[in-house]
Amino acid sequence: MTERKGLVTMGGSPVTLVGGEVKTGDSAPGFAVVGNDLSEVDSSEFEEKIRLISVVTSLDTSVCDLQTHRFNDEAAKMSPNVVILTISMDLPFAQKRWCGAAGIDKVKVLSDHKNASFGTAYGVLMKESRLLARSIFVVDKQGTVRYSEIVKEIGDHPNYEAALKVVKELANL
């Protein structure tokens, strides 16, 4: 498995990302994650939609909380051909509890805890902590990555506007 060092820091300390880099223009890798009801969710379920994939370290942290709320608010304004996925290593039980308490009901919150399938496929699994690096990917209906951002410092916010701009452009095609 490919390892990349120095791209991301956590609290200022460099971490190692496991998996290859996914760049704009690449074919989106497939993955399998777990839903809040413990069902297996395969990425192929979203093939007919524009996908904004919001990757967070843990829903129980402030920036991840704000990021997920922001995209939940945005999802309410999106057309039906857009799906927003939030993926973390949090256990499905914790995700379900957090979503209920936070009123998150427009984005699909999914767990990569079981196999780290998403984290390794998209190259955002942090080796040292087995958590996911904060990132955003936008995938079009044809399965091509149209936007890719891995946030340099885990505690920083992603570029929401840039990712949303790409989603809105794709939705208007």
N, C-alpha and C. Protein backbone atom coordinates (compact mmCIF):
# COMPACT_ATOMS: atom_id res chain seq x y z
N MET A 1 0.85 -1.18 0.00
CA MET A 1 0.00 0.00 0.00
C MET A 1 0.89 1.24 0.00
N THR A 2 0.54 2.19 -0.83
CA THR A 2 1.29 3.44 -0.94
C THR A 2 1.15 4.26 0.35
N GLU A 3 2.24 4.87 0.77
CA GLU A 3 2.22 5.78 1.91
C GLU A 3 2.79 7.12 1.47
N ARG A 4 2.12 8.21 1.87
CA ARG A 4 2.56 9.56 1.52
C ARG A 4 2.73 10.36 2.80
N LYS A 5 3.88 10.98 2.95
CA LYS A 5 4.19 11.73 4.17
C LYS A 5 4.31 13.22 3.88
N GLY A 6 3.98 14.03 4.89
CA GLY A 6 4.21 15.46 4.79
C GLY A 6 3.12 16.26 4.11
N LEU A 7 2.05 15.63 3.65
CA LEU A 7 0.96 16.35 3.00
C LEU A 7 -0.02 16.96 4.00
N VAL A 8 -0.13 16.31 5.15
CA VAL A 8 -1.12 16.69 6.15
C VAL A 8 -0.46 16.72 7.53
N THR A 9 -0.92 17.65 8.35
CA THR A 9 -0.48 17.69 9.74
C THR A 9 -1.70 17.59 10.66
N MET A 10 -1.44 17.08 11.85
CA MET A 10 -2.48 17.00 12.88
C MET A 10 -1.88 17.67 14.11
N GLY A 11 -2.41 18.83 14.46
CA GLY A 11 -1.85 19.60 15.56
C GLY A 11 -0.43 20.04 15.26
N GLY A 12 -0.13 20.25 13.97
CA GLY A 12 1.19 20.69 13.55
C GLY A 12 2.19 19.58 13.29
N SER A 13 1.86 18.36 13.69
CA SER A 13 2.76 17.22 13.48
C SER A 13 2.40 16.49 12.19
N PRO A 14 3.40 16.21 11.34
CA PRO A 14 3.12 15.50 10.09
C PRO A 14 2.56 14.10 10.34
N VAL A 15 1.64 13.69 9.46
CA VAL A 15 1.08 12.33 9.51
C VAL A 15 1.31 11.65 8.16
N THR A 16 1.13 10.35 8.15
CA THR A 16 1.31 9.53 6.95
C THR A 16 -0.06 9.17 6.40
N LEU A 17 -0.29 9.46 5.14
CA LEU A 17 -1.54 9.07 4.48
C LEU A 17 -1.32 7.74 3.77
N VAL A 18 -2.26 6.83 3.95
CA VAL A 18 -2.19 5.51 3.34
C VAL A 18 -3.12 5.48 2.14
N GLY A 19 -2.61 4.99 1.01
CA GLY A 19 -3.38 4.91 -0.22
C GLY A 19 -2.88 5.92 -1.22
N GLY A 20 -3.19 5.69 -2.47
CA GLY A 20 -2.74 6.58 -3.53
C GLY A 20 -3.52 7.87 -3.59
N GLU A 21 -2.94 8.85 -4.24
CA GLU A 21 -3.58 10.16 -4.38
C GLU A 21 -4.70 10.09 -5.41
N VAL A 22 -5.83 10.70 -5.09
CA VAL A 22 -6.96 10.83 -6.02
C VAL A 22 -7.02 12.29 -6.43
N LYS A 23 -6.85 12.53 -7.73
CA LYS A 23 -6.78 13.89 -8.25
C LYS A 23 -7.97 14.20 -9.16
N THR A 24 -8.19 15.48 -9.36
CA THR A 24 -9.20 15.93 -10.30
C THR A 24 -8.88 15.32 -11.67
N GLY A 25 -9.91 14.74 -12.30
CA GLY A 25 -9.76 14.09 -13.59
C GLY A 25 -9.63 12.58 -13.49
N ASP A 26 -9.32 12.06 -12.31
CA ASP A 26 -9.22 10.61 -12.11
C ASP A 26 -10.62 9.99 -12.08
N SER A 27 -10.67 8.70 -12.36
CA SER A 27 -11.90 7.94 -12.13
C SER A 27 -12.04 7.74 -10.63
N ALA A 28 -13.23 7.96 -10.12
CA ALA A 28 -13.46 7.82 -8.68
C ALA A 28 -13.35 6.36 -8.28
N PRO A 29 -12.52 6.06 -7.29
CA PRO A 29 -12.41 4.67 -6.82
C PRO A 29 -13.70 4.21 -6.15
N GLY A 30 -13.96 2.93 -6.23
CA GLY A 30 -15.09 2.35 -5.51
C GLY A 30 -14.73 2.12 -4.06
N PHE A 31 -15.74 2.00 -3.22
CA PHE A 31 -15.52 1.75 -1.80
C PHE A 31 -16.79 1.18 -1.18
N ALA A 32 -16.62 0.57 -0.01
CA ALA A 32 -17.76 0.05 0.76
C ALA A 32 -17.64 0.57 2.19
N VAL A 33 -18.71 1.15 2.68
CA VAL A 33 -18.75 1.72 4.03
C VAL A 33 -19.98 1.16 4.76
N VAL A 34 -20.22 1.64 5.97
CA VAL A 34 -21.33 1.13 6.78
C VAL A 34 -22.29 2.28 7.09
N GLY A 35 -23.59 2.04 6.91
CA GLY A 35 -24.61 3.02 7.24
C GLY A 35 -24.93 3.03 8.72
N ASN A 36 -25.70 4.02 9.15
CA ASN A 36 -26.09 4.14 10.56
C ASN A 36 -26.91 2.96 11.06
N ASP A 37 -27.51 2.21 10.14
CA ASP A 37 -28.30 1.04 10.50
C ASP A 37 -27.48 -0.25 10.40
N LEU A 38 -26.16 -0.11 10.25
CA LEU A 38 -25.20 -1.21 10.13
C LEU A 38 -25.24 -1.92 8.78
N SER A 39 -26.00 -1.39 7.83
CA SER A 39 -26.03 -1.98 6.50
C SER A 39 -24.77 -1.60 5.74
N GLU A 40 -24.34 -2.48 4.85
CA GLU A 40 -23.20 -2.17 4.01
C GLU A 40 -23.68 -1.26 2.88
N VAL A 41 -22.93 -0.21 2.63
CA VAL A 41 -23.27 0.75 1.59
C VAL A 41 -22.13 0.77 0.59
N ASP A 42 -22.43 0.43 -0.64
CA ASP A 42 -21.43 0.40 -1.70
C ASP A 42 -21.51 1.69 -2.51
N SER A 43 -20.38 2.20 -2.90
CA SER A 43 -20.35 3.46 -3.66
C SER A 43 -21.15 3.39 -4.95
N SER A 44 -21.34 2.19 -5.49
CA SER A 44 -22.10 2.05 -6.73
C SER A 44 -23.56 2.50 -6.57
N GLU A 45 -24.04 2.57 -5.33
CA GLU A 45 -25.42 3.03 -5.08
C GLU A 45 -25.64 4.48 -5.50
N PHE A 46 -24.54 5.23 -5.65
CA PHE A 46 -24.65 6.66 -5.94
C PHE A 46 -24.19 7.01 -7.36
N GLU A 47 -24.00 6.00 -8.21
CA GLU A 47 -23.44 6.23 -9.54
C GLU A 47 -24.24 7.17 -10.43
N GLU A 48 -25.51 7.23 -10.25
CA GLU A 48 -26.35 8.07 -11.11
C GLU A 48 -26.45 9.52 -10.61
N LYS A 49 -25.71 9.84 -9.56
CA LYS A 49 -25.80 11.16 -8.96
C LYS A 49 -24.45 11.87 -8.95
N ILE A 50 -24.54 13.18 -8.83
CA ILE A 50 -23.35 13.99 -8.56
C ILE A 50 -23.09 13.81 -7.07
N ARG A 51 -21.85 13.50 -6.70
CA ARG A 51 -21.53 13.22 -5.30
C ARG A 51 -20.55 14.24 -4.74
N LEU A 52 -20.92 14.84 -3.64
CA LEU A 52 -19.98 15.63 -2.87
C LEU A 52 -19.65 14.75 -1.65
N ILE A 53 -18.39 14.37 -1.53
CA ILE A 53 -17.97 13.52 -0.42
C ILE A 53 -17.19 14.38 0.56
N SER A 54 -17.78 14.58 1.72
CA SER A 54 -17.19 15.37 2.79
C SER A 54 -16.58 14.40 3.80
N VAL A 55 -15.27 14.48 3.95
CA VAL A 55 -14.56 13.54 4.82
C VAL A 55 -14.14 14.28 6.08
N VAL A 56 -14.52 13.71 7.22
CA VAL A 56 -14.21 14.33 8.51
C VAL A 56 -13.47 13.34 9.41
N THR A 57 -12.69 13.89 10.33
CA THR A 57 -11.92 13.06 11.25
C THR A 57 -12.83 12.41 12.28
N SER A 58 -13.68 13.20 12.93
CA SER A 58 -14.66 12.68 13.88
C SER A 58 -15.77 13.71 14.05
N LEU A 59 -17.00 13.25 13.98
CA LEU A 59 -18.14 14.15 14.12
C LEU A 59 -18.16 14.86 15.47
N ASP A 60 -17.49 14.28 16.45
CA ASP A 60 -17.49 14.86 17.80
C ASP A 60 -16.43 15.93 18.00
N THR A 61 -15.88 16.47 16.92
CA THR A 61 -14.93 17.58 17.03
C THR A 61 -15.56 18.82 16.40
N SER A 62 -15.11 19.97 16.82
CA SER A 62 -15.78 21.22 16.44
C SER A 62 -15.77 21.49 14.93
N VAL A 63 -14.63 21.35 14.28
CA VAL A 63 -14.57 21.65 12.85
C VAL A 63 -15.38 20.64 12.05
N CYS A 64 -15.31 19.37 12.44
CA CYS A 64 -16.09 18.33 11.75
C CYS A 64 -17.58 18.57 11.93
N ASP A 65 -17.97 18.98 13.12
CA ASP A 65 -19.36 19.33 13.41
C ASP A 65 -19.81 20.46 12.49
N LEU A 66 -19.02 21.52 12.43
CA LEU A 66 -19.38 22.67 11.58
C LEU A 66 -19.41 22.29 10.11
N GLN A 67 -18.44 21.49 9.67
CA GLN A 67 -18.38 21.06 8.27
C GLN A 67 -19.63 20.26 7.91
N THR A 68 -20.03 19.35 8.78
CA THR A 68 -21.20 18.52 8.49
C THR A 68 -22.49 19.34 8.54
N HIS A 69 -22.60 20.27 9.48
CA HIS A 69 -23.76 21.16 9.49
C HIS A 69 -23.82 22.00 8.23
N ARG A 70 -22.68 22.52 7.80
CA ARG A 70 -22.65 23.36 6.59
C ARG A 70 -23.17 22.58 5.38
N PHE A 71 -22.67 21.36 5.20
CA PHE A 71 -23.11 20.59 4.04
C PHE A 71 -24.53 20.08 4.20
N ASN A 72 -25.00 19.85 5.41
CA ASN A 72 -26.40 19.48 5.61
C ASN A 72 -27.31 20.64 5.17
N ASP A 73 -26.92 21.86 5.54
CA ASP A 73 -27.68 23.05 5.12
C ASP A 73 -27.67 23.19 3.59
N GLU A 74 -26.51 22.96 2.99
CA GLU A 74 -26.39 23.07 1.53
C GLU A 74 -27.19 21.98 0.83
N ALA A 75 -27.21 20.78 1.40
CA ALA A 75 -27.92 19.65 0.78
C ALA A 75 -29.41 19.96 0.63
N ALA A 76 -29.95 20.72 1.56
CA ALA A 76 -31.38 21.07 1.50
C ALA A 76 -31.69 21.93 0.27
N LYS A 77 -30.67 22.60 -0.28
CA LYS A 77 -30.86 23.48 -1.44
C LYS A 77 -30.52 22.81 -2.76
N MET A 78 -30.01 21.59 -2.72
CA MET A 78 -29.52 20.91 -3.92
C MET A 78 -30.65 20.20 -4.66
N SER A 79 -30.40 19.98 -5.94
CA SER A 79 -31.35 19.22 -6.75
C SER A 79 -31.28 17.74 -6.37
N PRO A 80 -32.30 16.97 -6.74
CA PRO A 80 -32.34 15.55 -6.38
C PRO A 80 -31.22 14.72 -7.03
N ASN A 81 -30.55 15.28 -8.05
CA ASN A 81 -29.48 14.52 -8.69
C ASN A 81 -28.12 14.72 -8.01
N VAL A 82 -28.14 15.34 -6.81
CA VAL A 82 -26.93 15.56 -6.02
C VAL A 82 -27.09 14.85 -4.69
N VAL A 83 -26.05 14.14 -4.26
CA VAL A 83 -26.04 13.52 -2.94
C VAL A 83 -24.78 13.98 -2.23
N ILE A 84 -24.93 14.30 -0.95
CA ILE A 84 -23.78 14.67 -0.13
C ILE A 84 -23.56 13.57 0.88
N LEU A 85 -22.36 13.00 0.85
CA LEU A 85 -21.96 11.95 1.77
C LEU A 85 -20.96 12.53 2.76
N THR A 86 -21.14 12.23 4.02
CA THR A 86 -20.14 12.55 5.04
C THR A 86 -19.59 11.23 5.53
N ILE A 87 -18.27 11.08 5.44
CA ILE A 87 -17.64 9.82 5.81
C ILE A 87 -16.61 10.08 6.91
N SER A 88 -16.66 9.25 7.96
CA SER A 88 -15.69 9.32 9.04
C SER A 88 -15.41 7.90 9.53
N MET A 89 -14.49 7.78 10.46
CA MET A 89 -14.19 6.49 11.09
C MET A 89 -15.04 6.27 12.34
N ASP A 90 -15.90 7.22 12.67
CA ASP A 90 -16.78 7.05 13.83
C ASP A 90 -17.61 5.79 13.67
N LEU A 91 -17.90 5.13 14.77
CA LEU A 91 -18.77 3.95 14.73
C LEU A 91 -20.17 4.36 14.29
N PRO A 92 -20.88 3.48 13.57
CA PRO A 92 -22.24 3.82 13.13
C PRO A 92 -23.17 4.22 14.27
N PHE A 93 -23.02 3.59 15.44
CA PHE A 93 -23.87 3.94 16.59
C PHE A 93 -23.64 5.40 17.01
N ALA A 94 -22.36 5.79 17.04
CA ALA A 94 -22.02 7.16 17.42
C ALA A 94 -22.52 8.14 16.37
N GLN A 95 -22.40 7.77 15.10
CA GLN A 95 -22.90 8.64 14.03
C GLN A 95 -24.40 8.84 14.15
N LYS A 96 -25.12 7.76 14.38
CA LYS A 96 -26.58 7.85 14.49
C LYS A 96 -26.97 8.75 15.66
N ARG A 97 -26.31 8.56 16.82
CA ARG A 97 -26.58 9.39 18.00
C ARG A 97 -26.28 10.85 17.69
N TRP A 98 -25.11 11.10 17.09
CA TRP A 98 -24.70 12.48 16.80
C TRP A 98 -25.67 13.13 15.81
N CYS A 99 -26.04 12.43 14.74
CA CYS A 99 -26.96 13.00 13.75
C CYS A 99 -28.30 13.35 14.39
N GLY A 100 -28.81 12.47 15.26
CA GLY A 100 -30.08 12.74 15.93
C GLY A 100 -30.00 13.97 16.81
N ALA A 101 -28.93 14.08 17.57
CA ALA A 101 -28.76 15.22 18.47
C ALA A 101 -28.51 16.52 17.71
N ALA A 102 -27.83 16.42 16.56
CA ALA A 102 -27.46 17.61 15.79
C ALA A 102 -28.50 18.00 14.74
N GLY A 103 -29.51 17.16 14.52
CA GLY A 103 -30.53 17.46 13.52
C GLY A 103 -30.03 17.29 12.09
N ILE A 104 -29.07 16.41 11.89
CA ILE A 104 -28.52 16.17 10.55
C ILE A 104 -29.41 15.16 9.85
N ASP A 105 -30.05 15.60 8.75
CA ASP A 105 -31.00 14.72 8.08
C ASP A 105 -30.96 14.82 6.55
N LYS A 106 -30.09 15.64 6.01
CA LYS A 106 -30.03 15.82 4.55
C LYS A 106 -28.82 15.15 3.92
N VAL A 107 -27.73 15.03 4.66
CA VAL A 107 -26.55 14.34 4.15
C VAL A 107 -26.60 12.89 4.61
N LYS A 108 -25.94 12.02 3.87
CA LYS A 108 -25.82 10.61 4.27
C LYS A 108 -24.52 10.47 5.03
N VAL A 109 -24.62 10.14 6.30
CA VAL A 109 -23.44 9.99 7.15
C VAL A 109 -23.08 8.50 7.20
N LEU A 110 -21.84 8.21 6.83
CA LEU A 110 -21.39 6.82 6.66
C LEU A 110 -20.09 6.58 7.41
N SER A 111 -19.90 5.33 7.84
CA SER A 111 -18.73 4.97 8.62
C SER A 111 -17.77 4.10 7.81
N ASP A 112 -16.49 4.43 7.88
CA ASP A 112 -15.44 3.66 7.21
C ASP A 112 -14.66 2.80 8.21
N HIS A 113 -15.20 2.67 9.43
CA HIS A 113 -14.46 2.02 10.52
C HIS A 113 -14.14 0.56 10.25
N LYS A 114 -14.99 -0.13 9.53
CA LYS A 114 -14.86 -1.58 9.39
C LYS A 114 -13.61 -2.00 8.61
N ASN A 115 -13.46 -1.48 7.40
CA ASN A 115 -12.36 -1.92 6.54
C ASN A 115 -11.46 -0.79 6.04
N ALA A 116 -11.77 0.43 6.39
CA ALA A 116 -11.03 1.60 5.86
C ALA A 116 -10.99 1.56 4.33
N SER A 117 -12.06 1.06 3.74
CA SER A 117 -12.16 0.93 2.29
C SER A 117 -12.09 2.30 1.60
N PHE A 118 -12.87 3.25 2.12
CA PHE A 118 -12.84 4.59 1.53
C PHE A 118 -11.49 5.25 1.77
N GLY A 119 -11.02 5.23 3.01
CA GLY A 119 -9.77 5.90 3.37
C GLY A 119 -8.59 5.47 2.53
N THR A 120 -8.47 4.17 2.29
CA THR A 120 -7.34 3.69 1.49
C THR A 120 -7.57 3.93 0.00
N ALA A 121 -8.82 3.81 -0.47
CA ALA A 121 -9.11 4.04 -1.89
C ALA A 121 -8.85 5.49 -2.29
N TYR A 122 -9.16 6.42 -1.38
CA TYR A 122 -9.00 7.85 -1.67
C TYR A 122 -7.71 8.44 -1.09
N GLY A 123 -6.92 7.60 -0.43
CA GLY A 123 -5.63 8.04 0.09
C GLY A 123 -5.70 9.03 1.22
N VAL A 124 -6.71 8.91 2.08
CA VAL A 124 -6.88 9.85 3.19
C VAL A 124 -6.87 9.18 4.56
N LEU A 125 -6.48 7.91 4.63
CA LEU A 125 -6.38 7.22 5.91
C LEU A 125 -5.07 7.62 6.57
N MET A 126 -5.16 8.16 7.78
CA MET A 126 -3.95 8.55 8.52
C MET A 126 -3.44 7.32 9.28
N LYS A 127 -2.25 6.90 8.92
CA LYS A 127 -1.66 5.67 9.47
C LYS A 127 -1.53 5.73 10.99
N GLU A 128 -1.08 6.84 11.50
CA GLU A 128 -0.78 6.96 12.93
C GLU A 128 -2.02 6.84 13.82
N SER A 129 -3.17 7.31 13.36
CA SER A 129 -4.37 7.34 14.20
C SER A 129 -5.51 6.47 13.68
N ARG A 130 -5.39 5.96 12.47
CA ARG A 130 -6.46 5.23 11.78
C ARG A 130 -7.75 6.06 11.71
N LEU A 131 -7.55 7.37 11.52
CA LEU A 131 -8.65 8.30 11.27
C LEU A 131 -8.51 8.80 9.85
N LEU A 132 -9.53 9.49 9.35
CA LEU A 132 -9.49 10.04 8.00
C LEU A 132 -9.08 11.50 8.03
N ALA A 133 -8.25 11.88 7.06
CA ALA A 133 -7.84 13.28 6.93
C ALA A 133 -9.00 14.09 6.35
N ARG A 134 -9.18 15.29 6.86
CA ARG A 134 -10.25 16.17 6.37
C ARG A 134 -10.03 16.42 4.87
N SER A 135 -11.07 16.17 4.11
CA SER A 135 -10.97 16.32 2.66
C SER A 135 -12.35 16.42 2.04
N ILE A 136 -12.36 16.83 0.78
CA ILE A 136 -13.61 16.90 0.01
C ILE A 136 -13.31 16.42 -1.40
N PHE A 137 -14.23 15.62 -1.92
CA PHE A 137 -14.15 15.15 -3.30
C PHE A 137 -15.51 15.38 -3.94
N VAL A 138 -15.51 15.85 -5.19
CA VAL A 138 -16.74 15.97 -5.95
C VAL A 138 -16.60 15.05 -7.16
N VAL A 139 -17.60 14.18 -7.33
CA VAL A 139 -17.59 13.20 -8.41
C VAL A 139 -18.82 13.43 -9.28
N ASP A 140 -18.61 13.47 -10.60
CA ASP A 140 -19.75 13.68 -11.49
C ASP A 140 -20.51 12.37 -11.74
N LYS A 141 -21.60 12.45 -12.49
CA LYS A 141 -22.45 11.29 -12.76
C LYS A 141 -21.73 10.20 -13.53
N GLN A 142 -20.68 10.57 -14.26
CA GLN A 142 -19.91 9.60 -15.03
C GLN A 142 -18.81 8.94 -14.21
N GLY A 143 -18.66 9.37 -12.95
CA GLY A 143 -17.67 8.75 -12.09
C GLY A 143 -16.29 9.37 -12.15
N THR A 144 -16.21 10.60 -12.65
CA THR A 144 -14.93 11.31 -12.73
C THR A 144 -14.83 12.30 -11.59
N VAL A 145 -13.68 12.33 -10.94
CA VAL A 145 -13.44 13.28 -9.85
C VAL A 145 -13.29 14.66 -10.47
N ARG A 146 -14.14 15.59 -10.06
CA ARG A 146 -14.12 16.96 -10.60
C ARG A 146 -13.54 17.97 -9.61
N TYR A 147 -13.37 17.55 -8.36
CA TYR A 147 -12.78 18.43 -7.34
C TYR A 147 -12.17 17.53 -6.28
N SER A 148 -10.99 17.89 -5.84
CA SER A 148 -10.29 17.12 -4.82
C SER A 148 -9.52 18.08 -3.92
N GLU A 149 -9.77 18.00 -2.62
CA GLU A 149 -9.05 18.82 -1.65
C GLU A 149 -8.76 18.00 -0.41
N ILE A 150 -7.49 17.90 -0.06
CA ILE A 150 -7.09 17.34 1.22
C ILE A 150 -6.57 18.52 2.02
N VAL A 151 -7.20 18.79 3.14
CA VAL A 151 -6.86 19.96 3.95
C VAL A 151 -5.51 19.72 4.64
N LYS A 152 -4.62 20.68 4.51
CA LYS A 152 -3.23 20.54 5.01
C LYS A 152 -3.17 20.30 6.52
N GLU A 153 -3.91 21.06 7.30
CA GLU A 153 -3.94 20.89 8.76
C GLU A 153 -5.33 20.39 9.15
N ILE A 154 -5.38 19.26 9.81
CA ILE A 154 -6.65 18.60 10.16
C ILE A 154 -7.63 19.55 10.86
N GLY A 155 -7.13 20.48 11.65
CA GLY A 155 -8.00 21.39 12.38
C GLY A 155 -8.54 22.56 11.58
N ASP A 156 -8.13 22.67 10.31
CA ASP A 156 -8.59 23.77 9.45
C ASP A 156 -9.83 23.36 8.66
N HIS A 157 -10.59 24.35 8.23
CA HIS A 157 -11.77 24.10 7.40
C HIS A 157 -11.35 23.89 5.95
N PRO A 158 -12.15 23.12 5.20
CA PRO A 158 -11.92 23.00 3.76
C PRO A 158 -12.44 24.24 3.04
N ASN A 159 -12.21 24.30 1.76
CA ASN A 159 -12.71 25.40 0.94
C ASN A 159 -14.14 25.04 0.49
N TYR A 160 -15.09 25.36 1.34
CA TYR A 160 -16.50 25.02 1.06
C TYR A 160 -16.96 25.60 -0.27
N GLU A 161 -16.67 26.88 -0.48
CA GLU A 161 -17.19 27.57 -1.67
C GLU A 161 -16.67 26.95 -2.96
N ALA A 162 -15.40 26.57 -3.00
CA ALA A 162 -14.84 25.98 -4.21
C ALA A 162 -15.52 24.65 -4.54
N ALA A 163 -15.72 23.82 -3.54
CA ALA A 163 -16.38 22.52 -3.76
C ALA A 163 -17.83 22.71 -4.18
N LEU A 164 -18.53 23.61 -3.51
CA LEU A 164 -19.94 23.85 -3.84
C LEU A 164 -20.11 24.45 -5.23
N LYS A 165 -19.17 25.27 -5.63
CA LYS A 165 -19.21 25.86 -6.97
C LYS A 165 -19.17 24.76 -8.03
N VAL A 166 -18.28 23.78 -7.83
CA VAL A 166 -18.17 22.67 -8.79
C VAL A 166 -19.47 21.87 -8.82
N VAL A 167 -20.04 21.59 -7.66
CA VAL A 167 -21.30 20.83 -7.59
C VAL A 167 -22.40 21.57 -8.33
N LYS A 168 -22.51 22.87 -8.09
CA LYS A 168 -23.56 23.66 -8.73
C LYS A 168 -23.38 23.73 -10.24
N GLU A 169 -22.12 23.84 -10.68
CA GLU A 169 -21.85 23.83 -12.14
C GLU A 169 -22.26 22.51 -12.76
N LEU A 170 -21.93 21.40 -12.10
CA LEU A 170 -22.28 20.07 -12.62
C LEU A 170 -23.80 19.87 -12.63
N ALA A 171 -24.48 20.35 -11.60
CA ALA A 171 -25.94 20.18 -11.50
C ALA A 171 -26.68 20.96 -12.54
N ASN A 172 -26.06 22.02 -13.07
CA ASN A 172 -26.72 22.82 -14.10
C ASN A 172 -26.42 22.38 -15.51
N LEU A 173 -25.62 21.35 -15.67
CA LEU A 173 -25.28 20.88 -17.03
C LEU A 173 -26.47 20.23 -17.68
